[in-house]
Amino acid sequence: MRKIDLKNVVWKEGKYYVAWNLNTAVSSFGDTKKEALECLQEALELHLEDIPASKVNKVERPDLIPLTFKYA
């Protein structure tokens, strides 16, 4: 079995935690950070079961950059 290093982001949204994978744009949620990441793991396993590892986007060192914009 081949290992792939994936980058994930977790944040609180309302009463749930959201876990989002930067490599695949797959996301999931849970009542805790741990649960959100466990649910994301399951979602990623299903998503990646038919995709070769070479097709997964590499995200090496992501930065969170704030952006302020005006909207109507």
PDB file of N, CA and C in Angstrom:
ATOM      1  N   MET A   1       0.849  -1.181   0.000  1.00  0.00           N
ATOM      2  CA  MET A   1       0.000   0.000   0.000  1.00  0.00           C
ATOM      3  C   MET A   1       0.892   1.242   0.000  1.00  0.00           C
ATOM      4  N   ARG A   2       0.605   2.168  -0.879  1.00  0.00           N
ATOM      5  CA  ARG A   2       1.381   3.397  -1.018  1.00  0.00           C
ATOM      6  C   ARG A   2       0.823   4.486  -0.112  1.00  0.00           C
ATOM      7  N   LYS A   3       1.706   5.294   0.462  1.00  0.00           N
ATOM      8  CA  LYS A   3       1.279   6.401   1.318  1.00  0.00           C
ATOM      9  C   LYS A   3       1.358   7.702   0.547  1.00  0.00           C
ATOM     10  N   ILE A   4       0.406   8.586   0.788  1.00  0.00           N
ATOM     11  CA  ILE A   4       0.375   9.910   0.175  1.00  0.00           C
ATOM     12  C   ILE A   4       0.211  10.925   1.308  1.00  0.00           C
ATOM     13  N   ASP A   5       1.060  11.933   1.343  1.00  0.00           N
ATOM     14  CA  ASP A   5       0.908  13.005   2.331  1.00  0.00           C
ATOM     15  C   ASP A   5      -0.115  14.008   1.820  1.00  0.00           C
ATOM     16  N   LEU A   6      -1.170  14.209   2.590  1.00  0.00           N
ATOM     17  CA  LEU A   6      -2.231  15.129   2.213  1.00  0.00           C
ATOM     18  C   LEU A   6      -2.298  16.284   3.201  1.00  0.00           C
ATOM     19  N   LYS A   7      -2.702  17.447   2.724  1.00  0.00           N
ATOM     20  CA  LYS A   7      -2.840  18.643   3.555  1.00  0.00           C
ATOM     21  C   LYS A   7      -4.318  18.908   3.796  1.00  0.00           C
ATOM     22  N   ASN A   8      -4.668  19.111   5.075  1.00  0.00           N
ATOM     23  CA  ASN A   8      -6.063  19.325   5.453  1.00  0.00           C
ATOM     24  C   ASN A   8      -6.198  20.587   6.287  1.00  0.00           C
ATOM     25  N   VAL A   9      -7.366  21.192   6.225  1.00  0.00           N
ATOM     26  CA  VAL A   9      -7.693  22.367   7.026  1.00  0.00           C
ATOM     27  C   VAL A   9      -8.940  22.022   7.838  1.00  0.00           C
ATOM     28  N   VAL A  10      -8.946  22.431   9.105  1.00  0.00           N
ATOM     29  CA  VAL A  10     -10.109  22.193   9.970  1.00  0.00           C
ATOM     30  C   VAL A  10     -10.509  23.522  10.598  1.00  0.00           C
ATOM     31  N   TRP A  11     -11.812  23.812  10.593  1.00  0.00           N
ATOM     32  CA  TRP A  11     -12.307  25.020  11.242  1.00  0.00           C
ATOM     33  C   TRP A  11     -13.689  24.748  11.817  1.00  0.00           C
ATOM     34  N   LYS A  12     -14.095  25.609  12.748  1.00  0.00           N
ATOM     35  CA  LYS A  12     -15.415  25.475  13.360  1.00  0.00           C
ATOM     36  C   LYS A  12     -16.401  26.329  12.586  1.00  0.00           C
ATOM     37  N   GLU A  13     -17.527  25.732  12.244  1.00  0.00           N
ATOM     38  CA  GLU A  13     -18.585  26.418  11.501  1.00  0.00           C
ATOM     39  C   GLU A  13     -19.897  26.122  12.213  1.00  0.00           C
ATOM     40  N   GLY A  14     -20.412  27.122  12.928  1.00  0.00           N
ATOM     41  CA  GLY A  14     -21.598  26.879  13.743  1.00  0.00           C
ATOM     42  C   GLY A  14     -21.243  25.937  14.876  1.00  0.00           C
ATOM     43  N   LYS A  15     -22.010  24.852  15.025  1.00  0.00           N
ATOM     44  CA  LYS A  15     -21.712  23.902  16.098  1.00  0.00           C
ATOM     45  C   LYS A  15     -20.868  22.712  15.621  1.00  0.00           C
ATOM     46  N   TYR A  16     -20.486  22.693  14.357  1.00  0.00           N
ATOM     47  CA  TYR A  16     -19.711  21.590  13.804  1.00  0.00           C
ATOM     48  C   TYR A  16     -18.304  22.031  13.418  1.00  0.00           C
ATOM     49  N   TYR A  17     -17.426  21.045  13.292  1.00  0.00           N
ATOM     50  CA  TYR A  17     -16.092  21.263  12.736  1.00  0.00           C
ATOM     51  C   TYR A  17     -16.101  20.741  11.311  1.00  0.00           C
ATOM     52  N   VAL A  18     -15.495  21.491  10.414  1.00  0.00           N
ATOM     53  CA  VAL A  18     -15.388  21.114   9.009  1.00  0.00           C
ATOM     54  C   VAL A  18     -13.937  20.764   8.730  1.00  0.00           C
ATOM     55  N   ALA A  19     -13.714  19.654   8.059  1.00  0.00           N
ATOM     56  CA  ALA A  19     -12.376  19.240   7.636  1.00  0.00           C
ATOM     57  C   ALA A  19     -12.373  19.217   6.113  1.00  0.00           C
ATOM     58  N   TRP A  20     -11.392  19.903   5.520  1.00  0.00           N
ATOM     59  CA  TRP A  20     -11.326  20.024   4.060  1.00  0.00           C
ATOM     60  C   TRP A  20      -9.931  19.649   3.597  1.00  0.00           C
ATOM     61  N   ASN A  21      -9.850  18.797   2.605  1.00  0.00           N
ATOM     62  CA  ASN A  21      -8.574  18.365   2.063  1.00  0.00           C
ATOM     63  C   ASN A  21      -8.187  19.260   0.896  1.00  0.00           C
ATOM     64  N   LEU A  22      -7.012  19.887   0.991  1.00  0.00           N
ATOM     65  CA  LEU A  22      -6.561  20.808  -0.042  1.00  0.00           C
ATOM     66  C   LEU A  22      -6.176  20.107  -1.338  1.00  0.00           C
ATOM     67  N   ASN A  23      -5.757  18.866  -1.268  1.00  0.00           N
ATOM     68  CA  ASN A  23      -5.310  18.136  -2.456  1.00  0.00           C
ATOM     69  C   ASN A  23      -6.456  17.721  -3.363  1.00  0.00           C
ATOM     70  N   THR A  24      -7.609  17.443  -2.775  1.00  0.00           N
ATOM     71  CA  THR A  24      -8.716  16.866  -3.548  1.00  0.00           C
ATOM     72  C   THR A  24     -10.001  17.679  -3.496  1.00  0.00           C
ATOM     73  N   ALA A  25     -10.085  18.646  -2.592  1.00  0.00           N
ATOM     74  CA  ALA A  25     -11.296  19.438  -2.342  1.00  0.00           C
ATOM     75  C   ALA A  25     -12.420  18.595  -1.744  1.00  0.00           C
ATOM     76  N   VAL A  26     -12.085  17.437  -1.167  1.00  0.00           N
ATOM     77  CA  VAL A  26     -13.052  16.611  -0.455  1.00  0.00           C
ATOM     78  C   VAL A  26     -13.186  17.174   0.957  1.00  0.00           C
ATOM     79  N   SER A  27     -14.409  17.216   1.469  1.00  0.00           N
ATOM     80  CA  SER A  27     -14.615  17.724   2.822  1.00  0.00           C
ATOM     81  C   SER A  27     -15.594  16.841   3.574  1.00  0.00           C
ATOM     82  N   SER A  28     -15.584  17.008   4.891  1.00  0.00           N
ATOM     83  CA  SER A  28     -16.534  16.321   5.752  1.00  0.00           C
ATOM     84  C   SER A  28     -16.668  17.141   7.029  1.00  0.00           C
ATOM     85  N   PHE A  29     -17.474  16.669   7.977  1.00  0.00           N
ATOM     86  CA  PHE A  29     -17.673  17.435   9.207  1.00  0.00           C
ATOM     87  C   PHE A  29     -17.947  16.490  10.364  1.00  0.00           C
ATOM     88  N   GLY A  30     -17.872  17.050  11.582  1.00  0.00           N
ATOM     89  CA  GLY A  30     -18.162  16.270  12.781  1.00  0.00           C
ATOM     90  C   GLY A  30     -18.372  17.191  13.966  1.00  0.00           C
ATOM     91  N   ASP A  31     -18.727  16.599  15.087  1.00  0.00           N
ATOM     92  CA  ASP A  31     -18.967  17.366  16.309  1.00  0.00           C
ATOM     93  C   ASP A  31     -17.669  17.868  16.943  1.00  0.00           C
ATOM     94  N   THR A  32     -16.558  17.182  16.668  1.00  0.00           N
ATOM     95  CA  THR A  32     -15.242  17.568  17.185  1.00  0.00           C
ATOM     96  C   THR A  32     -14.247  17.582  16.024  1.00  0.00           C
ATOM     97  N   LYS A  33     -13.076  18.168  16.255  1.00  0.00           N
ATOM     98  CA  LYS A  33     -12.034  18.144  15.219  1.00  0.00           C
ATOM     99  C   LYS A  33     -11.655  16.704  14.881  1.00  0.00           C
ATOM    100  N   LYS A  34     -11.496  15.898  15.918  1.00  0.00           N
ATOM    101  CA  LYS A  34     -11.122  14.500  15.705  1.00  0.00           C
ATOM    102  C   LYS A  34     -12.159  13.774  14.853  1.00  0.00           C
ATOM    103  N   GLU A  35     -13.426  13.967  15.173  1.00  0.00           N
ATOM    104  CA  GLU A  35     -14.494  13.313  14.414  1.00  0.00           C
ATOM    105  C   GLU A  35     -14.538  13.819  12.973  1.00  0.00           C
ATOM    106  N   ALA A  36     -14.341  15.108  12.789  1.00  0.00           N
ATOM    107  CA  ALA A  36     -14.327  15.668  11.434  1.00  0.00           C
ATOM    108  C   ALA A  36     -13.195  15.060  10.607  1.00  0.00           C
ATOM    109  N   LEU A  37     -12.026  14.893  11.222  1.00  0.00           N
ATOM    110  CA  LEU A  37     -10.891  14.295  10.508  1.00  0.00           C
ATOM    111  C   LEU A  37     -11.107  12.812  10.241  1.00  0.00           C
ATOM    112  N   GLU A  38     -11.749  12.105  11.153  1.00  0.00           N
ATOM    113  CA  GLU A  38     -12.074  10.694  10.920  1.00  0.00           C
ATOM    114  C   GLU A  38     -13.060  10.549   9.762  1.00  0.00           C
ATOM    115  N   CYS A  39     -14.055  11.423   9.720  1.00  0.00           N
ATOM    116  CA  CYS A  39     -15.035  11.395   8.632  1.00  0.00           C
ATOM    117  C   CYS A  39     -14.366  11.769   7.303  1.00  0.00           C
ATOM    118  N   LEU A  40     -13.435  12.721   7.360  1.00  0.00           N
ATOM    119  CA  LEU A  40     -12.695  13.094   6.149  1.00  0.00           C
ATOM    120  C   LEU A  40     -11.863  11.918   5.657  1.00  0.00           C
ATOM    121  N   GLN A  41     -11.225  11.203   6.575  1.00  0.00           N
ATOM    122  CA  GLN A  41     -10.431  10.026   6.206  1.00  0.00           C
ATOM    123  C   GLN A  41     -11.294   9.032   5.431  1.00  0.00           C
ATOM    124  N   GLU A  42     -12.488   8.763   5.929  1.00  0.00           N
ATOM    125  CA  GLU A  42     -13.399   7.826   5.259  1.00  0.00           C
ATOM    126  C   GLU A  42     -13.811   8.344   3.888  1.00  0.00           C
ATOM    127  N   ALA A  43     -14.133   9.637   3.809  1.00  0.00           N
ATOM    128  CA  ALA A  43     -14.528  10.232   2.525  1.00  0.00           C
ATOM    129  C   ALA A  43     -13.375  10.176   1.521  1.00  0.00           C
ATOM    130  N   LEU A  44     -12.153  10.416   1.989  1.00  0.00           N
ATOM    131  CA  LEU A  44     -10.990  10.359   1.100  1.00  0.00           C
ATOM    132  C   LEU A  44     -10.725   8.941   0.608  1.00  0.00           C
ATOM    133  N   GLU A  45     -10.896   7.965   1.486  1.00  0.00           N
ATOM    134  CA  GLU A  45     -10.715   6.568   1.069  1.00  0.00           C
ATOM    135  C   GLU A  45     -11.673   6.218  -0.063  1.00  0.00           C
ATOM    136  N   LEU A  46     -12.921   6.637   0.063  1.00  0.00           N
ATOM    137  CA  LEU A  46     -13.906   6.369  -0.994  1.00  0.00           C
ATOM    138  C   LEU A  46     -13.572   7.138  -2.267  1.00  0.00           C
ATOM    139  N   HIS A  47     -13.180   8.397  -2.111  1.00  0.00           N
ATOM    140  CA  HIS A  47     -12.867   9.241  -3.264  1.00  0.00           C
ATOM    141  C   HIS A  47     -11.654   8.725  -4.032  1.00  0.00           C
ATOM    142  N   LEU A  48     -10.645   8.260  -3.306  1.00  0.00           N
ATOM    143  CA  LEU A  48      -9.377   7.896  -3.936  1.00  0.00           C
ATOM    144  C   LEU A  48      -9.275   6.424  -4.337  1.00  0.00           C
ATOM    145  N   GLU A  49     -10.284   5.627  -4.036  1.00  0.00           N
ATOM    146  CA  GLU A  49     -10.158   4.195  -4.320  1.00  0.00           C
ATOM    147  C   GLU A  49      -9.990   3.880  -5.807  1.00  0.00           C
ATOM    148  N   ASP A  50     -10.478   4.729  -6.687  1.00  0.00           N
ATOM    149  CA  ASP A  50     -10.348   4.476  -8.125  1.00  0.00           C
ATOM    150  C   ASP A  50      -9.444   5.480  -8.834  1.00  0.00           C
ATOM    151  N   ILE A  51      -8.721   6.299  -8.064  1.00  0.00           N
ATOM    152  CA  ILE A  51      -7.854   7.314  -8.657  1.00  0.00           C
ATOM    153  C   ILE A  51      -6.401   6.933  -8.396  1.00  0.00           C
ATOM    154  N   PRO A  52      -5.563   6.888  -9.442  1.00  0.00           N
ATOM    155  CA  PRO A  52      -4.151   6.589  -9.210  1.00  0.00           C
ATOM    156  C   PRO A  52      -3.477   7.714  -8.413  1.00  0.00           C
ATOM    157  N   ALA A  53      -2.507   7.347  -7.587  1.00  0.00           N
ATOM    158  CA  ALA A  53      -1.806   8.323  -6.739  1.00  0.00           C
ATOM    159  C   ALA A  53      -1.183   9.445  -7.558  1.00  0.00           C
ATOM    160  N   SER A  54      -0.795   9.161  -8.781  1.00  0.00           N
ATOM    161  CA  SER A  54      -0.163  10.181  -9.631  1.00  0.00           C
ATOM    162  C   SER A  54      -1.143  11.291 -10.027  1.00  0.00           C
ATOM    163  N   LYS A  55      -2.439  11.063  -9.881  1.00  0.00           N
ATOM    164  CA  LYS A  55      -3.453  12.055 -10.252  1.00  0.00           C
ATOM    165  C   LYS A  55      -3.840  12.983  -9.098  1.00  0.00           C
ATOM    166  N   VAL A  56      -3.331  12.706  -7.891  1.00  0.00           N
ATOM    167  CA  VAL A  56      -3.643  13.541  -6.738  1.00  0.00           C
ATOM    168  C   VAL A  56      -2.754  14.782  -6.780  1.00  0.00           C
ATOM    169  N   ASN A  57      -3.370  15.959  -6.679  1.00  0.00           N
ATOM    170  CA  ASN A  57      -2.616  17.221  -6.710  1.00  0.00           C
ATOM    171  C   ASN A  57      -1.688  17.316  -5.516  1.00  0.00           C
ATOM    172  N   LYS A  58      -0.472  17.775  -5.757  1.00  0.00           N
ATOM    173  CA  LYS A  58       0.476  17.970  -4.665  1.00  0.00           C
ATOM    174  C   LYS A  58       0.326  19.381  -4.108  1.00  0.00           C
ATOM    175  N   VAL A  59       0.176  19.469  -2.801  1.00  0.00           N
ATOM    176  CA  VAL A  59       0.156  20.752  -2.101  1.00  0.00           C
ATOM    177  C   VAL A  59       1.295  20.667  -1.097  1.00  0.00           C
ATOM    178  N   GLU A  60       2.350  21.399  -1.350  1.00  0.00           N
ATOM    179  CA  GLU A  60       3.551  21.260  -0.530  1.00  0.00           C
ATOM    180  C   GLU A  60       3.504  22.079   0.754  1.00  0.00           C
ATOM    181  N   ARG A  61       3.413  23.390   0.640  1.00  0.00           N
ATOM    182  CA  ARG A  61       3.464  24.267   1.810  1.00  0.00           C
ATOM    183  C   ARG A  61       2.421  25.369   1.665  1.00  0.00           C
ATOM    184  N   PRO A  62       1.179  25.083   2.007  1.00  0.00           N
ATOM    185  CA  PRO A  62       0.125  26.092   1.839  1.00  0.00           C
ATOM    186  C   PRO A  62       0.272  27.223   2.857  1.00  0.00           C
ATOM    187  N   ASP A  63      -0.103  28.408   2.456  1.00  0.00           N
ATOM    188  CA  ASP A  63      -0.152  29.571   3.333  1.00  0.00           C
ATOM    189  C   ASP A  63      -1.591  30.042   3.423  1.00  0.00           C
ATOM    190  N   LEU A  64      -2.007  30.450   4.618  1.00  0.00           N
ATOM    191  CA  LEU A  64      -3.310  31.094   4.768  1.00  0.00           C
ATOM    192  C   LEU A  64      -3.072  32.586   4.663  1.00  0.00           C
ATOM    193  N   ILE A  65      -3.619  33.207   3.627  1.00  0.00           N
ATOM    194  CA  ILE A  65      -3.401  34.622   3.353  1.00  0.00           C
ATOM    195  C   ILE A  65      -4.743  35.326   3.457  1.00  0.00           C
ATOM    196  N   PRO A  66      -4.867  36.294   4.366  1.00  0.00           N
ATOM    197  CA  PRO A  66      -6.133  37.026   4.451  1.00  0.00           C
ATOM    198  C   PRO A  66      -6.331  37.941   3.242  1.00  0.00           C
ATOM    199  N   LEU A  67      -7.562  38.100   2.852  1.00  0.00           N
ATOM    200  CA  LEU A  67      -7.896  38.953   1.725  1.00  0.00           C
ATOM    201  C   LEU A  67      -9.149  39.719   2.087  1.00  0.00           C
ATOM    202  N   THR A  68      -9.086  41.034   1.988  1.00  0.00           N
ATOM    203  CA  THR A  68     -10.239  41.887   2.264  1.00  0.00           C
ATOM    204  C   THR A  68     -10.747  42.427   0.940  1.00  0.00           C
ATOM    205  N   PHE A  69     -12.028  42.310   0.707  1.00  0.00           N
ATOM    206  CA  PHE A  69     -12.596  42.856  -0.526  1.00  0.00           C
ATOM    207  C   PHE A  69     -13.936  43.490  -0.215  1.00  0.00           C
ATOM    208  N   LYS A  70     -14.342  44.390  -1.108  1.00  0.00           N
ATOM    209  CA  LYS A  70     -15.636  45.055  -0.968  1.00  0.00           C
ATOM    210  C   LYS A  70     -16.648  44.398  -1.876  1.00  0.00           C
ATOM    211  N   TYR A  71     -17.859  44.260  -1.401  1.00  0.00           N
ATOM    212  CA  TYR A  71     -18.922  43.695  -2.215  1.00  0.00           C
ATOM    213  C   TYR A  71     -20.220  44.403  -1.889  1.00  0.00           C
ATOM    214  N   ALA A  72     -21.155  44.280  -2.809  1.00  0.00           N
ATOM    215  CA  ALA A  72     -22.437  44.974  -2.641  1.00  0.00           C
ATOM    216  C   ALA A  72     -23.384  44.188  -1.780  1.00  0.00           C
TER     217      ALA A  72
END
